[in-house]
Amino acid sequence: MDKQMPDPYYARLEELQAADFVLVELTLYLDTHPDDIQAIQQYNLCAQKRMQLAHQFQLEYGPLMHFGHSFSRHPWQWWEGPWPWQV
């Protein structure tokens, strides 16, 4: 069952996607430059920011991942759409 999500939903999801993009790029860079302390620090800061963004998103809109990677409020939220990977 799909329901219309408010505009802030999409803005928060875009913030998460941007953080994920940065983390992927930094991971690829660090695979070839494992001693770059500044890149490691940037990665760790971005990872922490991404955890905060995900936590806030899930409090407001429900789980991002299934199989125990995210909590659900009552009632069970996975039957509600759209799911994050559908938008």
Protein backbone atom coordinates (compact mmCIF):
# COMPACT_ATOMS: atom_id res chain seq x y z
CA MET A 1 0.00 0.00 0.00
CA ASP A 2 1.63 3.24 -1.16
CA LYS A 3 0.95 6.55 0.49
CA GLN A 4 2.00 10.03 -0.49
CA MET A 5 5.11 11.07 1.43
CA PRO A 6 5.70 14.72 2.43
CA ASP A 7 8.44 16.76 0.73
CA PRO A 8 10.73 16.64 3.80
CA TYR A 9 10.79 12.85 3.37
CA TYR A 10 12.45 13.22 -0.01
CA ALA A 11 14.85 15.92 1.23
CA ARG A 12 16.00 13.69 4.11
CA LEU A 13 16.35 10.71 1.79
CA GLU A 14 18.45 12.82 -0.59
CA GLU A 15 20.73 13.81 2.32
CA LEU A 16 21.24 10.12 3.08
CA GLN A 17 21.98 9.35 -0.55
CA ALA A 18 24.55 12.15 -0.68
CA ALA A 19 26.26 10.85 2.46
CA ASP A 20 26.28 7.33 1.01
CA PHE A 21 27.85 8.64 -2.20
CA VAL A 22 30.64 10.37 -0.28
CA LEU A 23 31.27 7.23 1.77
CA VAL A 24 31.51 5.06 -1.35
CA GLU A 25 33.95 7.48 -2.98
CA LEU A 26 36.08 7.72 0.15
CA THR A 27 36.08 3.94 0.47
CA LEU A 28 37.34 3.57 -3.09
CA TYR A 29 40.01 6.22 -2.49
CA LEU A 30 41.12 4.62 0.77
CA ASP A 31 41.42 1.23 -0.93
CA THR A 32 44.32 2.71 -2.90
CA HIS A 33 45.56 5.24 -0.30
CA PRO A 34 45.22 3.40 3.04
CA ASP A 35 47.65 5.70 4.89
CA ASP A 36 45.88 8.98 4.11
CA ILE A 37 44.95 10.09 7.62
CA GLN A 38 42.90 13.08 6.41
CA ALA A 39 40.77 10.84 4.20
CA ILE A 40 40.27 8.41 7.09
CA GLN A 41 39.19 11.28 9.34
CA GLN A 42 36.82 12.56 6.66
CA TYR A 43 35.42 9.04 6.21
CA ASN A 44 34.82 8.66 9.95
CA LEU A 45 33.11 12.06 10.21
CA CYS A 46 30.90 11.27 7.23
CA ALA A 47 30.07 7.82 8.64
CA GLN A 48 29.04 9.41 11.93
CA LYS A 49 26.92 12.04 10.12
CA ARG A 50 25.29 9.31 8.04
CA MET A 51 24.38 7.36 11.19
CA GLN A 52 22.79 10.49 12.65
CA LEU A 53 20.87 11.20 9.45
CA ALA A 54 19.64 7.59 9.26
CA HIS A 55 18.60 7.58 12.91
CA GLN A 56 16.61 10.81 12.52
CA PHE A 57 15.04 9.60 9.26
CA GLN A 58 13.92 6.35 10.89
CA LEU A 59 12.43 8.17 13.87
CA GLU A 60 10.34 10.34 11.56
CA TYR A 61 9.51 8.06 8.63
CA GLY A 62 10.21 4.45 9.58
CA PRO A 63 12.86 1.86 8.82
CA LEU A 64 15.42 2.13 6.03
CA MET A 65 16.60 -1.49 6.05
CA HIS A 66 15.02 -4.80 6.93
CA PHE A 67 16.16 -8.07 8.52
CA GLY A 68 17.04 -6.48 11.85
CA HIS A 69 19.10 -3.55 10.57
CA SER A 70 16.35 -1.07 11.49
CA PHE A 71 13.70 -0.97 14.18
CA SER A 72 9.98 -0.68 13.54
CA ARG A 73 7.36 1.12 15.56
CA HIS A 74 3.90 -0.31 16.17
CA PRO A 75 2.14 -1.14 13.95
CA TRP A 76 4.61 -3.00 11.74
CA GLN A 77 5.90 -0.45 9.25
CA TRP A 78 7.18 -2.58 6.41
CA TRP A 79 3.81 -2.94 4.77
CA GLU A 80 3.70 0.84 4.20
CA GLY A 81 5.24 2.29 1.09
CA PRO A 82 7.00 3.73 -0.61
CA TRP A 83 10.08 2.00 0.65
CA PRO A 84 13.33 3.98 0.49
CA TRP A 85 14.58 2.03 -2.53
CA GLN A 86 11.35 2.73 -4.45
CA VAL A 87 11.64 6.51 -4.59
